[in-house]
PDB file of N, CA and C in Angstrom:
ATOM      1  N   MET A   1     140.643 116.744   4.274  1.00  0.00           N
ATOM      2  CA  MET A   1     140.452 116.866   2.859  1.00  0.00           C
ATOM      3  C   MET A   1     141.879 117.960   2.207  1.00  0.00           C
ATOM      4  N   ALA A   2     141.348 118.929   2.225  1.00  0.00           N
ATOM      5  CA  ALA A   2     142.109 119.997   1.655  1.00  0.00           C
ATOM      6  C   ALA A   2     142.701 120.973   2.859  1.00  0.00           C
ATOM      7  N   LYS A   3     143.893 120.827   3.094  1.00  0.00           N
ATOM      8  CA  LYS A   3     144.353 121.498   4.256  1.00  0.00           C
ATOM      9  C   LYS A   3     144.966 123.016   3.736  1.00  0.00           C
ATOM     10  N   GLY A   4     144.370 124.080   4.364  1.00  0.00           N
ATOM     11  CA  GLY A   4     145.065 125.541   3.923  1.00  0.00           C
ATOM     12  C   GLY A   4     144.368 125.925   2.826  1.00  0.00           C
ATOM     13  N   SER A   5     143.191 125.644   2.235  1.00  0.00           N
ATOM     14  CA  SER A   5     142.594 126.230   1.080  1.00  0.00           C
ATOM     15  C   SER A   5     142.383 127.593   1.373  1.00  0.00           C
ATOM     16  N   GLU A   6     142.635 128.583   0.482  1.00  0.00           N
ATOM     17  CA  GLU A   6     142.568 129.870   0.658  1.00  0.00           C
ATOM     18  C   GLU A   6     141.613 130.629  -0.487  1.00  0.00           C
ATOM     19  N   LEU A   7     141.041 131.597  -0.289  1.00  0.00           N
ATOM     20  CA  LEU A   7     140.399 132.434  -1.168  1.00  0.00           C
ATOM     21  C   LEU A   7     141.455 133.220  -2.072  1.00  0.00           C
ATOM     22  N   ASN A   8     141.460 132.934  -3.329  1.00  0.00           N
ATOM     23  CA  ASN A   8     142.605 133.628  -4.093  1.00  0.00           C
ATOM     24  C   ASN A   8     141.899 134.854  -4.972  1.00  0.00           C
ATOM     25  N   PHE A   9     140.660 134.476  -5.656  1.00  0.00           N
ATOM     26  CA  PHE A   9     140.216 135.403  -6.685  1.00  0.00           C
ATOM     27  C   PHE A   9     138.861 135.185  -6.592  1.00  0.00           C
ATOM     28  N   THR A  10     137.842 136.558  -7.004  1.00  0.00           N
ATOM     29  CA  THR A  10     136.615 136.164  -7.042  1.00  0.00           C
ATOM     30  C   THR A  10     136.333 136.754  -8.513  1.00  0.00           C
ATOM     31  N   LEU A  11     135.553 135.987  -9.133  1.00  0.00           N
ATOM     32  CA  LEU A  11     135.322 136.666 -10.589  1.00  0.00           C
ATOM     33  C   LEU A  11     133.650 136.696 -10.778  1.00  0.00           C
ATOM     34  N   LEU A  12     132.908 137.764 -10.882  1.00  0.00           N
ATOM     35  CA  LEU A  12     131.596 137.972 -11.417  1.00  0.00           C
ATOM     36  C   LEU A  12     131.363 137.999 -12.990  1.00  0.00           C
ATOM     37  N   TYR A  13     130.160 137.170 -13.439  1.00  0.00           N
ATOM     38  CA  TYR A  13     130.009 137.070 -14.623  1.00  0.00           C
ATOM     39  C   TYR A  13     128.549 137.997 -14.890  1.00  0.00           C
ATOM     40  N   VAL A  14     129.153 139.029 -15.897  1.00  0.00           N
ATOM     41  CA  VAL A  14     128.250 140.030 -16.286  1.00  0.00           C
ATOM     42  C   VAL A  14     127.748 140.071 -17.437  1.00  0.00           C
ATOM     43  N   ASP A  15     126.690 141.093 -17.853  1.00  0.00           N
ATOM     44  CA  ASP A  15     126.294 141.276 -18.931  1.00  0.00           C
ATOM     45  C   ASP A  15     126.991 141.986 -19.614  1.00  0.00           C
ATOM     46  N   ASN A  16     127.217 143.305 -19.177  1.00  0.00           N
ATOM     47  CA  ASN A  16     127.814 144.653 -19.617  1.00  0.00           C
ATOM     48  C   ASN A  16     129.093 144.904 -18.995  1.00  0.00           C
ATOM     49  N   LEU A  17     130.226 144.752 -20.029  1.00  0.00           N
ATOM     50  CA  LEU A  17     131.689 144.962 -19.188  1.00  0.00           C
ATOM     51  C   LEU A  17     131.859 146.555 -19.056  1.00  0.00           C
ATOM     52  N   ASP A  18     131.533 147.249 -19.725  1.00  0.00           N
ATOM     53  CA  ASP A  18     131.818 148.518 -19.379  1.00  0.00           C
ATOM     54  C   ASP A  18     130.919 149.428 -18.221  1.00  0.00           C
ATOM     55  N   GLN A  19     129.673 148.693 -18.370  1.00  0.00           N
ATOM     56  CA  GLN A  19     128.971 149.355 -17.253  1.00  0.00           C
ATOM     57  C   GLN A  19     129.143 148.830 -15.994  1.00  0.00           C
ATOM     58  N   SER A  20     129.839 147.556 -16.027  1.00  0.00           N
ATOM     59  CA  SER A  20     130.231 146.965 -14.828  1.00  0.00           C
ATOM     60  C   SER A  20     131.466 147.421 -14.438  1.00  0.00           C
ATOM     61  N   LEU A  21     132.598 147.542 -15.046  1.00  0.00           N
ATOM     62  CA  LEU A  21     134.000 148.556 -15.209  1.00  0.00           C
ATOM     63  C   LEU A  21     133.522 149.596 -14.459  1.00  0.00           C
ATOM     64  N   ALA A  22     132.753 150.710 -15.057  1.00  0.00           N
ATOM     65  CA  ALA A  22     132.445 152.062 -14.629  1.00  0.00           C
ATOM     66  C   ALA A  22     132.071 151.931 -13.058  1.00  0.00           C
ATOM     67  N   TYR A  23     131.272 150.631 -12.762  1.00  0.00           N
ATOM     68  CA  TYR A  23     130.666 150.739 -11.612  1.00  0.00           C
ATOM     69  C   TYR A  23     131.610 150.227 -10.239  1.00  0.00           C
ATOM     70  N   PHE A  24     132.332 149.200 -10.874  1.00  0.00           N
ATOM     71  CA  PHE A  24     133.285 148.690  -9.865  1.00  0.00           C
ATOM     72  C   PHE A  24     134.696 149.708  -9.302  1.00  0.00           C
ATOM     73  N   ARG A  25     134.671 150.413 -10.576  1.00  0.00           N
ATOM     74  CA  ARG A  25     135.999 151.382 -10.327  1.00  0.00           C
ATOM     75  C   ARG A  25     135.521 152.712  -9.882  1.00  0.00           C
ATOM     76  N   ASP A  26     134.411 153.286 -10.457  1.00  0.00           N
ATOM     77  CA  ASP A  26     133.810 154.608 -10.058  1.00  0.00           C
ATOM     78  C   ASP A  26     133.119 154.506  -9.002  1.00  0.00           C
ATOM     79  N   THR A  27     132.255 153.781  -8.567  1.00  0.00           N
ATOM     80  CA  THR A  27     131.373 153.813  -7.663  1.00  0.00           C
ATOM     81  C   THR A  27     131.908 152.855  -6.097  1.00  0.00           C
ATOM     82  N   VAL A  28     132.370 151.786  -6.419  1.00  0.00           N
ATOM     83  CA  VAL A  28     132.842 150.720  -5.653  1.00  0.00           C
ATOM     84  C   VAL A  28     134.197 151.444  -5.084  1.00  0.00           C
ATOM     85  N   GLY A  29     135.100 151.883  -5.907  1.00  0.00           N
ATOM     86  CA  GLY A  29     136.526 152.249  -5.930  1.00  0.00           C
ATOM     87  C   GLY A  29     137.507 151.278  -6.150  1.00  0.00           C
ATOM     88  N   LEU A  30     137.382 150.181  -6.571  1.00  0.00           N
ATOM     89  CA  LEU A  30     138.523 149.428  -7.007  1.00  0.00           C
ATOM     90  C   LEU A  30     139.511 149.671  -7.923  1.00  0.00           C
ATOM     91  N   LYS A  31     140.753 149.442  -7.924  1.00  0.00           N
ATOM     92  CA  LYS A  31     141.682 149.752  -8.714  1.00  0.00           C
ATOM     93  C   LYS A  31     141.510 149.038 -10.183  1.00  0.00           C
ATOM     94  N   HIS A  32     141.077 149.413 -11.250  1.00  0.00           N
ATOM     95  CA  HIS A  32     141.411 148.549 -12.513  1.00  0.00           C
ATOM     96  C   HIS A  32     142.675 148.357 -12.948  1.00  0.00           C
ATOM     97  N   ILE A  33     142.888 147.184 -13.525  1.00  0.00           N
ATOM     98  CA  ILE A  33     144.397 147.092 -13.860  1.00  0.00           C
ATOM     99  C   ILE A  33     143.927 146.703 -15.422  1.00  0.00           C
ATOM    100  N   PRO A  34     144.282 147.441 -16.265  1.00  0.00           N
ATOM    101  CA  PRO A  34     144.043 147.640 -17.589  1.00  0.00           C
ATOM    102  C   PRO A  34     144.781 146.440 -18.364  1.00  0.00           C
ATOM    103  N   GLU A  35     145.991 146.207 -18.200  1.00  0.00           N
ATOM    104  CA  GLU A  35     147.141 145.525 -18.473  1.00  0.00           C
ATOM    105  C   GLU A  35     146.314 144.037 -18.694  1.00  0.00           C
ATOM    106  N   ALA A  36     145.540 143.627 -17.892  1.00  0.00           N
ATOM    107  CA  ALA A  36     144.847 142.498 -17.563  1.00  0.00           C
ATOM    108  C   ALA A  36     143.846 142.245 -18.261  1.00  0.00           C
ATOM    109  N   ASP A  37     143.056 143.097 -19.035  1.00  0.00           N
ATOM    110  CA  ASP A  37     141.894 143.115 -19.862  1.00  0.00           C
ATOM    111  C   ASP A  37     142.088 142.084 -21.041  1.00  0.00           C
ATOM    112  N   THR A  38     140.936 141.437 -21.334  1.00  0.00           N
ATOM    113  CA  THR A  38     140.790 140.808 -22.752  1.00  0.00           C
ATOM    114  C   THR A  38     139.324 141.010 -23.120  1.00  0.00           C
ATOM    115  N   ASP A  39     138.957 140.546 -24.302  1.00  0.00           N
ATOM    116  CA  ASP A  39     137.706 140.855 -24.662  1.00  0.00           C
ATOM    117  C   ASP A  39     136.579 140.763 -23.946  1.00  0.00           C
ATOM    118  N   VAL A  40     136.853 139.528 -22.784  1.00  0.00           N
ATOM    119  CA  VAL A  40     135.411 139.339 -22.033  1.00  0.00           C
ATOM    120  C   VAL A  40     136.059 139.361 -20.836  1.00  0.00           C
ATOM    121  N   PHE A  41     136.907 140.141 -20.112  1.00  0.00           N
ATOM    122  CA  PHE A  41     137.690 140.489 -18.783  1.00  0.00           C
ATOM    123  C   PHE A  41     137.829 141.489 -18.546  1.00  0.00           C
ATOM    124  N   ARG A  42     137.729 142.101 -17.399  1.00  0.00           N
ATOM    125  CA  ARG A  42     138.243 143.170 -16.475  1.00  0.00           C
ATOM    126  C   ARG A  42     138.893 142.760 -15.150  1.00  0.00           C
ATOM    127  N   GLY A  43     139.968 143.159 -15.038  1.00  0.00           N
ATOM    128  CA  GLY A  43     140.546 142.929 -13.984  1.00  0.00           C
ATOM    129  C   GLY A  43     141.078 143.892 -12.836  1.00  0.00           C
ATOM    130  N   PHE A  44     140.922 144.069 -11.291  1.00  0.00           N
ATOM    131  CA  PHE A  44     140.922 144.512 -10.525  1.00  0.00           C
ATOM    132  C   PHE A  44     141.909 144.257  -9.380  1.00  0.00           C
ATOM    133  N   GLY A  45     142.791 144.940  -8.821  1.00  0.00           N
ATOM    134  CA  GLY A  45     143.755 144.685  -7.936  1.00  0.00           C
ATOM    135  C   GLY A  45     144.898 145.447  -7.689  1.00  0.00           C
ATOM    136  N   PRO A  46     145.746 145.280  -6.983  1.00  0.00           N
ATOM    137  CA  PRO A  46     146.973 146.136  -6.852  1.00  0.00           C
ATOM    138  C   PRO A  46     147.526 146.338  -7.965  1.00  0.00           C
ATOM    139  N   ALA A  47     147.841 145.064  -8.681  1.00  0.00           N
ATOM    140  CA  ALA A  47     148.834 144.784  -9.783  1.00  0.00           C
ATOM    141  C   ALA A  47     148.335 143.716 -10.590  1.00  0.00           C
ATOM    142  N   VAL A  48     148.671 143.686 -12.053  1.00  0.00           N
ATOM    143  CA  VAL A  48     148.528 142.611 -12.895  1.00  0.00           C
ATOM    144  C   VAL A  48     148.802 141.080 -12.363  1.00  0.00           C
ATOM    145  N   SER A  49     150.050 141.071 -11.845  1.00  0.00           N
ATOM    146  CA  SER A  49     150.475 140.027 -10.911  1.00  0.00           C
ATOM    147  C   SER A  49     149.549 139.478  -9.680  1.00  0.00           C
ATOM    148  N   SER A  50     148.978 140.342  -9.080  1.00  0.00           N
ATOM    149  CA  SER A  50     148.014 139.988  -8.078  1.00  0.00           C
ATOM    150  C   SER A  50     146.562 140.375  -8.239  1.00  0.00           C
ATOM    151  N   LEU A  51     145.896 140.071  -9.385  1.00  0.00           N
ATOM    152  CA  LEU A  51     144.393 140.580  -8.920  1.00  0.00           C
ATOM    153  C   LEU A  51     143.850 139.733  -8.137  1.00  0.00           C
ATOM    154  N   SER A  52     142.531 140.680  -7.773  1.00  0.00           N
ATOM    155  CA  SER A  52     141.857 139.918  -6.430  1.00  0.00           C
ATOM    156  C   SER A  52     140.613 139.660  -7.026  1.00  0.00           C
ATOM    157  N   PHE A  53     140.234 140.448  -7.986  1.00  0.00           N
ATOM    158  CA  PHE A  53     138.616 140.300  -8.219  1.00  0.00           C
ATOM    159  C   PHE A  53     138.496 140.746  -9.786  1.00  0.00           C
ATOM    160  N   GLY A  54     137.581 140.262 -10.381  1.00  0.00           N
ATOM    161  CA  GLY A  54     137.441 140.292 -11.952  1.00  0.00           C
ATOM    162  C   GLY A  54     135.721 140.246 -12.387  1.00  0.00           C
ATOM    163  N   ILE A  55     135.956 140.941 -13.577  1.00  0.00           N
ATOM    164  CA  ILE A  55     134.411 140.604 -14.061  1.00  0.00           C
ATOM    165  C   ILE A  55     134.848 140.058 -15.547  1.00  0.00           C
ATOM    166  N   CYS A  56     133.756 139.361 -15.729  1.00  0.00           N
ATOM    167  CA  CYS A  56     134.026 138.388 -17.280  1.00  0.00           C
ATOM    168  C   CYS A  56     132.407 138.299 -17.463  1.00  0.00           C
ATOM    169  N   LYS A  57     132.446 138.121 -19.213  1.00  0.00           N
ATOM    170  CA  LYS A  57     131.357 137.854 -19.880  1.00  0.00           C
ATOM    171  C   LYS A  57     131.184 136.403 -20.015  1.00  0.00           C
ATOM    172  N   PRO A  58     130.198 135.727 -19.996  1.00  0.00           N
ATOM    173  CA  PRO A  58     129.978 133.980 -19.549  1.00  0.00           C
ATOM    174  C   PRO A  58     130.655 133.573 -20.980  1.00  0.00           C
ATOM    175  N   PHE A  59     131.509 132.636 -20.973  1.00  0.00           N
ATOM    176  CA  PHE A  59     132.082 132.146 -22.266  1.00  0.00           C
ATOM    177  C   PHE A  59     131.792 131.095 -22.413  1.00  0.00           C
ATOM    178  N   ASP A  60     131.001 130.179 -21.826  1.00  0.00           N
ATOM    179  CA  ASP A  60     130.614 128.611 -22.004  1.00  0.00           C
ATOM    180  C   ASP A  60     129.086 128.431 -21.146  1.00  0.00           C
ATOM    181  N   ASP A  61     128.697 127.306 -21.502  1.00  0.00           N
ATOM    182  CA  ASP A  61     127.300 126.916 -21.098  1.00  0.00           C
ATOM    183  C   ASP A  61     126.995 126.943 -19.689  1.00  0.00           C
ATOM    184  N   THR A  62     128.074 126.523 -18.695  1.00  0.00           N
ATOM    185  CA  THR A  62     128.140 126.477 -17.356  1.00  0.00           C
ATOM    186  C   THR A  62     127.951 127.758 -16.635  1.00  0.00           C
ATOM    187  N   ARG A  63     128.473 128.697 -17.198  1.00  0.00           N
ATOM    188  CA  ARG A  63     128.760 130.232 -16.827  1.00  0.00           C
ATOM    189  C   ARG A  63     127.551 131.158 -17.277  1.00  0.00           C
ATOM    190  N   LYS A  64     126.884 131.837 -16.310  1.00  0.00           N
ATOM    191  CA  LYS A  64     125.663 132.588 -16.436  1.00  0.00           C
ATOM    192  C   LYS A  64     125.868 133.834 -16.007  1.00  0.00           C
ATOM    193  N   VAL A  65     125.027 135.218 -16.530  1.00  0.00           N
ATOM    194  CA  VAL A  65     125.172 136.446 -16.266  1.00  0.00           C
ATOM    195  C   VAL A  65     124.839 136.145 -14.836  1.00  0.00           C
ATOM    196  N   GLY A  66     125.509 136.457 -13.588  1.00  0.00           N
ATOM    197  CA  GLY A  66     125.093 136.935 -12.427  1.00  0.00           C
ATOM    198  C   GLY A  66     125.713 135.926 -11.411  1.00  0.00           C
ATOM    199  N   GLN A  67     126.045 134.960 -12.001  1.00  0.00           N
ATOM    200  CA  GLN A  67     127.072 134.104 -11.315  1.00  0.00           C
ATOM    201  C   GLN A  67     128.568 134.421 -10.555  1.00  0.00           C
ATOM    202  N   THR A  68     128.688 133.854  -9.739  1.00  0.00           N
ATOM    203  CA  THR A  68     130.004 134.373  -9.102  1.00  0.00           C
ATOM    204  C   THR A  68     130.837 133.009  -9.305  1.00  0.00           C
ATOM    205  N   GLU A  69     132.368 132.977  -9.530  1.00  0.00           N
ATOM    206  CA  GLU A  69     132.924 131.847  -9.630  1.00  0.00           C
ATOM    207  C   GLU A  69     133.978 132.339  -8.625  1.00  0.00           C
ATOM    208  N   LEU A  70     134.512 131.362  -7.493  1.00  0.00           N
ATOM    209  CA  LEU A  70     135.430 131.470  -6.391  1.00  0.00           C
ATOM    210  C   LEU A  70     136.504 130.610  -6.861  1.00  0.00           C
ATOM    211  N   TYR A  71     137.857 131.291  -6.830  1.00  0.00           N
ATOM    212  CA  TYR A  71     139.217 130.707  -6.863  1.00  0.00           C
ATOM    213  C   TYR A  71     139.823 130.496  -5.425  1.00  0.00           C
ATOM    214  N   PHE A  72     140.254 129.281  -5.152  1.00  0.00           N
ATOM    215  CA  PHE A  72     140.899 128.931  -4.077  1.00  0.00           C
ATOM    216  C   PHE A  72     142.317 128.283  -4.409  1.00  0.00           C
ATOM    217  N   THR A  73     143.216 128.424  -3.510  1.00  0.00           N
ATOM    218  CA  THR A  73     144.465 128.104  -3.579  1.00  0.00           C
ATOM    219  C   THR A  73     144.645 126.991  -2.663  1.00  0.00           C
ATOM    220  N   THR A  74     145.721 126.122  -2.763  1.00  0.00           N
ATOM    221  CA  THR A  74     146.057 125.246  -1.779  1.00  0.00           C
ATOM    222  C   THR A  74     147.080 124.500  -1.766  1.00  0.00           C
ATOM    223  N   SER A  75     147.914 124.308  -1.225  1.00  0.00           N
ATOM    224  CA  SER A  75     149.287 123.721  -1.045  1.00  0.00           C
ATOM    225  C   SER A  75     149.159 122.139  -1.535  1.00  0.00           C
ATOM    226  N   GLU A  76     148.014 121.523  -1.311  1.00  0.00           N
ATOM    227  CA  GLU A  76     147.738 120.405  -1.713  1.00  0.00           C
ATOM    228  C   GLU A  76     147.166 120.143  -3.007  1.00  0.00           C
ATOM    229  N   PHE A  77     147.458 120.962  -3.914  1.00  0.00           N
ATOM    230  CA  PHE A  77     146.473 120.923  -5.507  1.00  0.00           C
ATOM    231  C   PHE A  77     146.462 119.612  -6.071  1.00  0.00           C
ATOM    232  N   GLU A  78     147.445 118.653  -6.152  1.00  0.00           N
ATOM    233  CA  GLU A  78     147.561 117.644  -6.719  1.00  0.00           C
ATOM    234  C   GLU A  78     146.890 116.505  -5.814  1.00  0.00           C
ATOM    235  N   ASN A  79     147.045 116.585  -4.328  1.00  0.00           N
ATOM    236  CA  ASN A  79     146.579 115.487  -3.918  1.00  0.00           C
ATOM    237  C   ASN A  79     144.901 115.834  -3.811  1.00  0.00           C
ATOM    238  N   LEU A  80     144.705 116.986  -3.625  1.00  0.00           N
ATOM    239  CA  LEU A  80     143.230 117.439  -3.597  1.00  0.00           C
ATOM    240  C   LEU A  80     142.520 116.621  -4.629  1.00  0.00           C
ATOM    241  N   TYR A  81     143.262 117.270  -5.811  1.00  0.00           N
ATOM    242  CA  TYR A  81     142.441 116.540  -7.357  1.00  0.00           C
ATOM    243  C   TYR A  81     142.399 115.049  -7.157  1.00  0.00           C
ATOM    244  N   LYS A  82     143.197 114.319  -6.797  1.00  0.00           N
ATOM    245  CA  LYS A  82     143.084 112.947  -6.676  1.00  0.00           C
ATOM    246  C   LYS A  82     142.268 112.264  -5.839  1.00  0.00           C
ATOM    247  N   THR A  83     142.038 112.952  -4.473  1.00  0.00           N
ATOM    248  CA  THR A  83     141.148 112.773  -3.471  1.00  0.00           C
ATOM    249  C   THR A  83     139.940 113.033  -4.031  1.00  0.00           C
ATOM    250  N   MET A  84     139.537 114.075  -4.615  1.00  0.00           N
ATOM    251  CA  MET A  84     138.181 114.239  -5.133  1.00  0.00           C
ATOM    252  C   MET A  84     137.689 113.321  -6.085  1.00  0.00           C
ATOM    253  N   VAL A  85     138.666 113.419  -7.004  1.00  0.00           N
ATOM    254  CA  VAL A  85     138.500 112.245  -8.100  1.00  0.00           C
ATOM    255  C   VAL A  85     138.172 110.783  -7.337  1.00  0.00           C
ATOM    256  N   SER A  86     138.974 110.501  -6.680  1.00  0.00           N
ATOM    257  CA  SER A  86     138.797 109.054  -6.007  1.00  0.00           C
ATOM    258  C   SER A  86     137.511 108.687  -5.160  1.00  0.00           C
ATOM    259  N   GLN A  87     136.884 109.820  -4.845  1.00  0.00           N
ATOM    260  CA  GLN A  87     135.649 109.961  -3.875  1.00  0.00           C
ATOM    261  C   GLN A  87     134.477 110.396  -4.623  1.00  0.00           C
ATOM    262  N   GLY A  88     134.701 110.439  -5.998  1.00  0.00           N
ATOM    263  CA  GLY A  88     133.546 110.398  -7.159  1.00  0.00           C
ATOM    264  C   GLY A  88     132.941 112.094  -7.232  1.00  0.00           C
ATOM    265  N   VAL A  89     133.718 112.992  -7.030  1.00  0.00           N
ATOM    266  CA  VAL A  89     133.627 114.335  -6.741  1.00  0.00           C
ATOM    267  C   VAL A  89     133.720 114.559  -8.266  1.00  0.00           C
ATOM    268  N   ARG A  90     132.832 115.015  -9.038  1.00  0.00           N
ATOM    269  CA  ARG A  90     132.688 115.382 -10.474  1.00  0.00           C
ATOM    270  C   ARG A  90     133.878 116.567 -10.404  1.00  0.00           C
ATOM    271  N   THR A  91     134.752 116.857 -11.406  1.00  0.00           N
ATOM    272  CA  THR A  91     135.737 117.774 -11.619  1.00  0.00           C
ATOM    273  C   THR A  91     135.800 118.036 -13.160  1.00  0.00           C
ATOM    274  N   THR A  92     136.452 119.010 -13.362  1.00  0.00           N
ATOM    275  CA  THR A  92     136.962 119.089 -14.848  1.00  0.00           C
ATOM    276  C   THR A  92     138.617 118.468 -14.661  1.00  0.00           C
ATOM    277  N   PRO A  93     138.965 118.154 -15.623  1.00  0.00           N
ATOM    278  CA  PRO A  93     140.527 117.817 -15.844  1.00  0.00           C
ATOM    279  C   PRO A  93     141.426 119.043 -15.202  1.00  0.00           C
ATOM    280  N   ILE A  94     142.581 118.684 -14.836  1.00  0.00           N
ATOM    281  CA  ILE A  94     143.474 119.825 -14.595  1.00  0.00           C
ATOM    282  C   ILE A  94     143.899 120.574 -15.951  1.00  0.00           C
ATOM    283  N   THR A  95     143.570 121.468 -15.835  1.00  0.00           N
ATOM    284  CA  THR A  95     144.068 122.367 -17.137  1.00  0.00           C
ATOM    285  C   THR A  95     145.216 123.829 -16.743  1.00  0.00           C
ATOM    286  N   GLN A  96     146.219 123.722 -17.812  1.00  0.00           N
ATOM    287  CA  GLN A  96     147.100 125.009 -17.490  1.00  0.00           C
ATOM    288  C   GLN A  96     146.580 125.958 -18.220  1.00  0.00           C
ATOM    289  N   VAL A  97     146.657 127.334 -17.375  1.00  0.00           N
ATOM    290  CA  VAL A  97     146.132 128.418 -18.079  1.00  0.00           C
ATOM    291  C   VAL A  97     147.348 129.362 -17.902  1.00  0.00           C
ATOM    292  N   TYR A  98     147.274 130.687 -18.243  1.00  0.00           N
ATOM    293  CA  TYR A  98     148.705 131.251 -18.605  1.00  0.00           C
ATOM    294  C   TYR A  98     148.599 131.818 -16.925  1.00  0.00           C
ATOM    295  N   PHE A  99     147.964 131.790 -15.857  1.00  0.00           N
ATOM    296  CA  PHE A  99     148.234 131.768 -14.417  1.00  0.00           C
ATOM    297  C   PHE A  99     148.717 131.253 -13.635  1.00  0.00           C
ATOM    298  N   GLY A 100     148.254 129.795 -14.203  1.00  0.00           N
ATOM    299  CA  GLY A 100     148.576 128.630 -13.252  1.00  0.00           C
ATOM    300  C   GLY A 100     147.966 127.471 -13.788  1.00  0.00           C
ATOM    301  N   LYS A 101     147.791 126.361 -13.004  1.00  0.00           N
ATOM    302  CA  LYS A 101     147.036 125.541 -13.045  1.00  0.00           C
ATOM    303  C   LYS A 101     145.679 125.176 -12.305  1.00  0.00           C
ATOM    304  N   VAL A 102     144.355 124.911 -13.129  1.00  0.00           N
ATOM    305  CA  VAL A 102     143.200 124.768 -12.476  1.00  0.00           C
ATOM    306  C   VAL A 102     142.366 123.601 -12.533  1.00  0.00           C
ATOM    307  N   PHE A 103     141.185 123.538 -11.879  1.00  0.00           N
ATOM    308  CA  PHE A 103     140.225 122.404 -11.884  1.00  0.00           C
ATOM    309  C   PHE A 103     139.018 122.920 -11.215  1.00  0.00           C
ATOM    310  N   THR A 104     138.058 122.621 -11.954  1.00  0.00           N
ATOM    311  CA  THR A 104     136.582 123.187 -11.408  1.00  0.00           C
ATOM    312  C   THR A 104     135.885 121.842 -10.567  1.00  0.00           C
ATOM    313  N   VAL A 105     135.469 122.134  -9.663  1.00  0.00           N
ATOM    314  CA  VAL A 105     134.589 120.915  -8.890  1.00  0.00           C
ATOM    315  C   VAL A 105     133.031 121.306  -8.840  1.00  0.00           C
ATOM    316  N   ASP A 106     132.224 120.279  -8.951  1.00  0.00           N
ATOM    317  CA  ASP A 106     130.825 120.293  -8.813  1.00  0.00           C
ATOM    318  C   ASP A 106     130.629 120.434  -7.457  1.00  0.00           C
ATOM    319  N   ALA A 107     130.178 121.782  -6.999  1.00  0.00           N
ATOM    320  CA  ALA A 107     129.822 122.314  -5.811  1.00  0.00           C
ATOM    321  C   ALA A 107     128.400 122.326  -5.771  1.00  0.00           C
ATOM    322  N   PRO A 108     127.655 122.053  -4.513  1.00  0.00           N
ATOM    323  CA  PRO A 108     126.715 122.001  -4.247  1.00  0.00           C
ATOM    324  C   PRO A 108     125.818 123.491  -4.706  1.00  0.00           C
ATOM    325  N   ASP A 109     124.505 123.153  -5.391  1.00  0.00           N
ATOM    326  CA  ASP A 109     123.872 124.644  -5.487  1.00  0.00           C
ATOM    327  C   ASP A 109     124.127 125.384  -6.783  1.00  0.00           C
ATOM    328  N   GLY A 110     125.363 124.350  -7.600  1.00  0.00           N
ATOM    329  CA  GLY A 110     125.743 124.940  -8.789  1.00  0.00           C
ATOM    330  C   GLY A 110     126.566 126.331  -9.003  1.00  0.00           C
ATOM    331  N   HIS A 111     127.138 126.426  -7.607  1.00  0.00           N
ATOM    332  CA  HIS A 111     128.209 127.238  -7.526  1.00  0.00           C
ATOM    333  C   HIS A 111     129.579 126.829  -7.997  1.00  0.00           C
ATOM    334  N   LEU A 112     130.256 127.926  -8.611  1.00  0.00           N
ATOM    335  CA  LEU A 112     131.562 127.639  -9.448  1.00  0.00           C
ATOM    336  C   LEU A 112     132.511 127.738  -8.557  1.00  0.00           C
ATOM    337  N   VAL A 113     133.237 126.625  -8.543  1.00  0.00           N
ATOM    338  CA  VAL A 113     134.276 126.629  -7.626  1.00  0.00           C
ATOM    339  C   VAL A 113     135.447 125.864  -8.197  1.00  0.00           C
ATOM    340  N   THR A 114     136.370 126.741  -8.300  1.00  0.00           N
ATOM    341  CA  THR A 114     137.936 126.449  -9.066  1.00  0.00           C
ATOM    342  C   THR A 114     138.777 126.323  -8.134  1.00  0.00           C
ATOM    343  N   MET A 115     139.868 125.308  -8.079  1.00  0.00           N
ATOM    344  CA  MET A 115     140.829 125.148  -7.354  1.00  0.00           C
ATOM    345  C   MET A 115     142.102 125.522  -8.495  1.00  0.00           C
ATOM    346  N   LEU A 116     142.967 126.400  -7.798  1.00  0.00           N
ATOM    347  CA  LEU A 116     144.035 127.186  -8.421  1.00  0.00           C
ATOM    348  C   LEU A 116     145.563 126.844  -8.086  1.00  0.00           C
ATOM    349  N   MET A 117     146.068 126.445  -8.835  1.00  0.00           N
ATOM    350  CA  MET A 117     147.856 126.340  -8.190  1.00  0.00           C
ATOM    351  C   MET A 117     148.707 127.378  -9.073  1.00  0.00           C
ATOM    352  N   PRO A 118     148.924 128.575  -8.672  1.00  0.00           N
ATOM    353  CA  PRO A 118     149.198 129.754  -9.431  1.00  0.00           C
ATOM    354  C   PRO A 118     150.717 129.121  -9.651  1.00  0.00           C
ATOM    355  N   GLY A 119     151.050 130.069 -10.874  1.00  0.00           N
ATOM    356  CA  GLY A 119     152.272 129.809 -11.528  1.00  0.00           C
ATOM    357  C   GLY A 119     152.204 129.822 -12.916  1.00  0.00           C
ATOM    358  N   ALA A 120     153.615 130.297 -13.586  1.00  0.00           N
ATOM    359  CA  ALA A 120     153.382 130.580 -14.867  1.00  0.00           C
ATOM    360  C   ALA A 120     153.423 129.200 -15.754  1.00  0.00           C
ATOM    361  N   PRO A 121     153.096 129.068 -16.962  1.00  0.00           N
ATOM    362  CA  PRO A 121     153.403 127.935 -17.606  1.00  0.00           C
ATOM    363  C   PRO A 121     154.337 127.126 -17.668  1.00  0.00           C
ATOM    364  N   GLN A 122     154.497 126.127 -17.732  1.00  0.00           N
ATOM    365  CA  GLN A 122     155.814 125.227 -17.872  1.00  0.00           C
ATOM    366  C   GLN A 122     155.769 124.733 -19.391  1.00  0.00           C
TER     367      GLN A 122
END
């Protein structure tokens, strides 16, 4: 199916952004990237262009405090989407976001698994 899929980004859904930011920055020692922050998101990584971890307030009914969302990249993004749809896997439509294209798959046990094709909007 997906050849060469790799973990790209991990997102934790949290209740209190300030408390979680302080924990991951001050206790765990992650580098906070303030330029990536929004009203509901705080990012960590070496730079804004290469975030590797984030915390976020849930922004819809499918995301809950305590959940983890994993983002994977693959060189077969479009083919993977077509294959999954043809096999009856529930997915969201491919959506353009500011950091690339994404679609989320209905993974076992309710895990949030998002496939990502990084890049700027076209």
